[in-house]
Amino acid sequence: MKKMCVQFQPDRAPALDMKEVRSVLEGIAATPRLVQGHRVDDLTFIFETPDLGELWRLVEAELFSDPPWGRLARKASIVTCDGDLTLHHFDPSVARASSPENKRTKNPRCG
């Protein structure tokens, strides 16, 4: 099973409503064909999935696309997969992959 971690640093976007974020991520976690397990460690959401690509597309659509708070979520989050792939980082200078199939960077944030 592959892992995706979505980590938040809400101090980077104080207007971000973490209750809304939690609600969206809990909705994603309730997708049984895509999410086989999940846990929450404070502000880090960890999903176990057989399909990282599909899960990433769902996270992008549900969490990062909805204005105005999608912009705030992007500003305050990091998304990594399998401990060595960064899909999103609030710092635009950090290298990232466009999809889980396109590895460009190492990042040990999730294990």
C-alpha atoms as a PDB file:
ATOM      1  CA  MET A   1       0.000   0.000   0.000  1.00  0.00           C
ATOM      2  CA  LYS A   2       1.287   3.470  -0.877  1.00  0.00           C
ATOM      3  CA  LYS A   3       1.070   6.494   1.406  1.00  0.00           C
ATOM      4  CA  MET A   4       0.186  10.135   0.821  1.00  0.00           C
ATOM      5  CA  CYS A   5       0.710  12.739   3.531  1.00  0.00           C
ATOM      6  CA  VAL A   6      -1.027  16.114   3.560  1.00  0.00           C
ATOM      7  CA  GLN A   7       0.594  18.349   6.173  1.00  0.00           C
ATOM      8  CA  PHE A   8      -0.713  21.758   7.213  1.00  0.00           C
ATOM      9  CA  GLN A   9       0.997  24.751   8.761  1.00  0.00           C
ATOM     10  CA  PRO A  10      -2.038  26.943   9.501  1.00  0.00           C
ATOM     11  CA  ASP A  11       0.084  29.847  10.740  1.00  0.00           C
ATOM     12  CA  ARG A  12       1.021  30.387   7.071  1.00  0.00           C
ATOM     13  CA  ALA A  13      -2.668  31.120   6.282  1.00  0.00           C
ATOM     14  CA  PRO A  14      -4.480  32.225   9.467  1.00  0.00           C
ATOM     15  CA  ALA A  15      -7.797  32.658   7.616  1.00  0.00           C
ATOM     16  CA  LEU A  16      -7.826  28.960   6.658  1.00  0.00           C
ATOM     17  CA  ASP A  17     -10.599  27.134   8.487  1.00  0.00           C
ATOM     18  CA  MET A  18      -9.037  23.850   9.583  1.00  0.00           C
ATOM     19  CA  LYS A  19     -12.504  22.460  10.395  1.00  0.00           C
ATOM     20  CA  GLU A  20     -13.408  22.796   6.700  1.00  0.00           C
ATOM     21  CA  VAL A  21     -10.096  21.249   5.683  1.00  0.00           C
ATOM     22  CA  ARG A  22     -10.666  18.325   8.062  1.00  0.00           C
ATOM     23  CA  SER A  23     -14.159  17.851   6.676  1.00  0.00           C
ATOM     24  CA  VAL A  24     -12.886  17.697   3.084  1.00  0.00           C
ATOM     25  CA  LEU A  25     -10.080  15.284   3.981  1.00  0.00           C
ATOM     26  CA  GLU A  26     -12.446  13.084   5.986  1.00  0.00           C
ATOM     27  CA  GLY A  27     -14.686  12.960   2.920  1.00  0.00           C
ATOM     28  CA  ILE A  28     -11.723  11.839   0.829  1.00  0.00           C
ATOM     29  CA  ALA A  29     -10.827   9.241   3.478  1.00  0.00           C
ATOM     30  CA  ALA A  30     -14.355   7.819   3.182  1.00  0.00           C
ATOM     31  CA  THR A  31     -13.714   6.760  -0.438  1.00  0.00           C
ATOM     32  CA  PRO A  32     -13.291   2.989   0.119  1.00  0.00           C
ATOM     33  CA  ARG A  33     -12.178   2.061  -3.398  1.00  0.00           C
ATOM     34  CA  LEU A  34      -9.375   4.637  -3.190  1.00  0.00           C
ATOM     35  CA  VAL A  35      -8.441   4.950   0.489  1.00  0.00           C
ATOM     36  CA  GLN A  36      -7.688   1.676   2.283  1.00  0.00           C
ATOM     37  CA  GLY A  37      -6.676   3.354   5.552  1.00  0.00           C
ATOM     38  CA  HIS A  38      -5.988   6.757   7.038  1.00  0.00           C
ATOM     39  CA  ARG A  39      -4.932   8.484  10.206  1.00  0.00           C
ATOM     40  CA  VAL A  40      -4.555  12.019  11.484  1.00  0.00           C
ATOM     41  CA  ASP A  41      -1.531  13.096  13.511  1.00  0.00           C
ATOM     42  CA  ASP A  42      -2.323  16.626  14.669  1.00  0.00           C
ATOM     43  CA  LEU A  43      -2.121  18.595  11.383  1.00  0.00           C
ATOM     44  CA  THR A  44      -0.843  15.750   9.185  1.00  0.00           C
ATOM     45  CA  PHE A  45      -3.321  13.568   7.311  1.00  0.00           C
ATOM     46  CA  ILE A  46      -1.947  10.224   6.091  1.00  0.00           C
ATOM     47  CA  PHE A  47      -3.787   8.145   3.506  1.00  0.00           C
ATOM     48  CA  GLU A  48      -3.013   4.591   2.384  1.00  0.00           C
ATOM     49  CA  THR A  49      -4.018   3.932  -1.201  1.00  0.00           C
ATOM     50  CA  PRO A  50      -3.502   1.505  -4.064  1.00  0.00           C
ATOM     51  CA  ASP A  51      -3.574   4.422  -6.564  1.00  0.00           C
ATOM     52  CA  LEU A  52      -1.539   7.525  -5.703  1.00  0.00           C
ATOM     53  CA  GLY A  53      -2.316   9.198  -9.027  1.00  0.00           C
ATOM     54  CA  GLU A  54      -6.078   9.013  -8.571  1.00  0.00           C
ATOM     55  CA  LEU A  55      -5.841  10.081  -4.925  1.00  0.00           C
ATOM     56  CA  TRP A  56      -3.671  13.082  -5.868  1.00  0.00           C
ATOM     57  CA  ARG A  57      -6.191  14.164  -8.525  1.00  0.00           C
ATOM     58  CA  LEU A  58      -8.973  13.925  -5.930  1.00  0.00           C
ATOM     59  CA  VAL A  59      -6.988  15.926  -3.331  1.00  0.00           C
ATOM     60  CA  GLU A  60      -6.213  18.602  -5.922  1.00  0.00           C
ATOM     61  CA  ALA A  61      -9.845  18.837  -6.991  1.00  0.00           C
ATOM     62  CA  GLU A  62     -11.421  18.741  -3.525  1.00  0.00           C
ATOM     63  CA  LEU A  63      -8.859  20.658  -1.487  1.00  0.00           C
ATOM     64  CA  PHE A  64      -6.833  22.988  -3.696  1.00  0.00           C
ATOM     65  CA  SER A  65      -9.237  23.994  -6.470  1.00  0.00           C
ATOM     66  CA  ASP A  66     -12.053  25.626  -4.516  1.00  0.00           C
ATOM     67  CA  PRO A  67     -11.594  29.403  -4.273  1.00  0.00           C
ATOM     68  CA  PRO A  68     -11.098  31.223  -2.019  1.00  0.00           C
ATOM     69  CA  TRP A  69      -9.993  28.693   0.570  1.00  0.00           C
ATOM     70  CA  GLY A  70      -8.228  26.445  -1.949  1.00  0.00           C
ATOM     71  CA  ARG A  71      -5.672  29.227  -2.337  1.00  0.00           C
ATOM     72  CA  LEU A  72      -5.261  29.344   1.436  1.00  0.00           C
ATOM     73  CA  ALA A  73      -4.841  25.559   1.607  1.00  0.00           C
ATOM     74  CA  ARG A  74      -2.095  25.724  -1.039  1.00  0.00           C
ATOM     75  CA  LYS A  75      -0.387  28.502   0.899  1.00  0.00           C
ATOM     76  CA  ALA A  76      -0.255  26.425   4.120  1.00  0.00           C
ATOM     77  CA  SER A  77       0.401  22.833   3.030  1.00  0.00           C
ATOM     78  CA  ILE A  78       2.870  20.219   1.871  1.00  0.00           C
ATOM     79  CA  VAL A  79       1.828  16.999   0.108  1.00  0.00           C
ATOM     80  CA  THR A  80       4.235  14.070  -0.122  1.00  0.00           C
ATOM     81  CA  CYS A  81       3.987  10.439  -1.239  1.00  0.00           C
ATOM     82  CA  ASP A  82       5.837   7.369  -0.029  1.00  0.00           C
ATOM     83  CA  GLY A  83       8.343   9.545   1.818  1.00  0.00           C
ATOM     84  CA  ASP A  84      10.320  10.530  -1.274  1.00  0.00           C
ATOM     85  CA  LEU A  85       8.055  12.498  -3.584  1.00  0.00           C
ATOM     86  CA  THR A  86       6.821  16.063  -3.137  1.00  0.00           C
ATOM     87  CA  LEU A  87       3.594  16.808  -5.013  1.00  0.00           C
ATOM     88  CA  HIS A  88       2.895  20.191  -3.438  1.00  0.00           C
ATOM     89  CA  HIS A  89       4.845  22.580  -1.234  1.00  0.00           C
ATOM     90  CA  PHE A  90       3.838  26.028  -0.030  1.00  0.00           C
ATOM     91  CA  ASP A  91       7.324  27.234  -1.051  1.00  0.00           C
ATOM     92  CA  PRO A  92       7.339  27.502  -4.864  1.00  0.00           C
ATOM     93  CA  SER A  93      11.135  27.101  -4.953  1.00  0.00           C
ATOM     94  CA  VAL A  94      10.872  23.490  -3.701  1.00  0.00           C
ATOM     95  CA  ALA A  95      11.046  21.003  -6.584  1.00  0.00           C
ATOM     96  CA  ARG A  96       7.923  18.939  -7.024  1.00  0.00           C
ATOM     97  CA  ALA A  97       6.496  16.274  -9.281  1.00  0.00           C
ATOM     98  CA  SER A  98       3.414  16.938 -11.358  1.00  0.00           C
ATOM     99  CA  SER A  99       2.095  13.476 -10.519  1.00  0.00           C
ATOM    100  CA  PRO A 100       3.125  10.470  -8.421  1.00  0.00           C
ATOM    101  CA  GLU A 101       4.384   8.815 -11.601  1.00  0.00           C
ATOM    102  CA  ASN A 102       6.840  11.695 -12.263  1.00  0.00           C
ATOM    103  CA  LYS A 103       9.484  11.561  -9.505  1.00  0.00           C
ATOM    104  CA  ARG A 104      11.639  14.684  -9.368  1.00  0.00           C
ATOM    105  CA  THR A 105      12.533  15.206  -5.724  1.00  0.00           C
ATOM    106  CA  LYS A 106      13.217  13.420  -2.447  1.00  0.00           C
ATOM    107  CA  ASN A 107      11.434  14.479   0.733  1.00  0.00           C
ATOM    108  CA  PRO A 108      11.303  12.255   3.856  1.00  0.00           C
ATOM    109  CA  ARG A 109       8.196  13.848   5.417  1.00  0.00           C
ATOM    110  CA  CYS A 110       6.062  10.714   5.389  1.00  0.00           C
ATOM    111  CA  GLY A 111       6.967   7.214   6.377  1.00  0.00           C
END
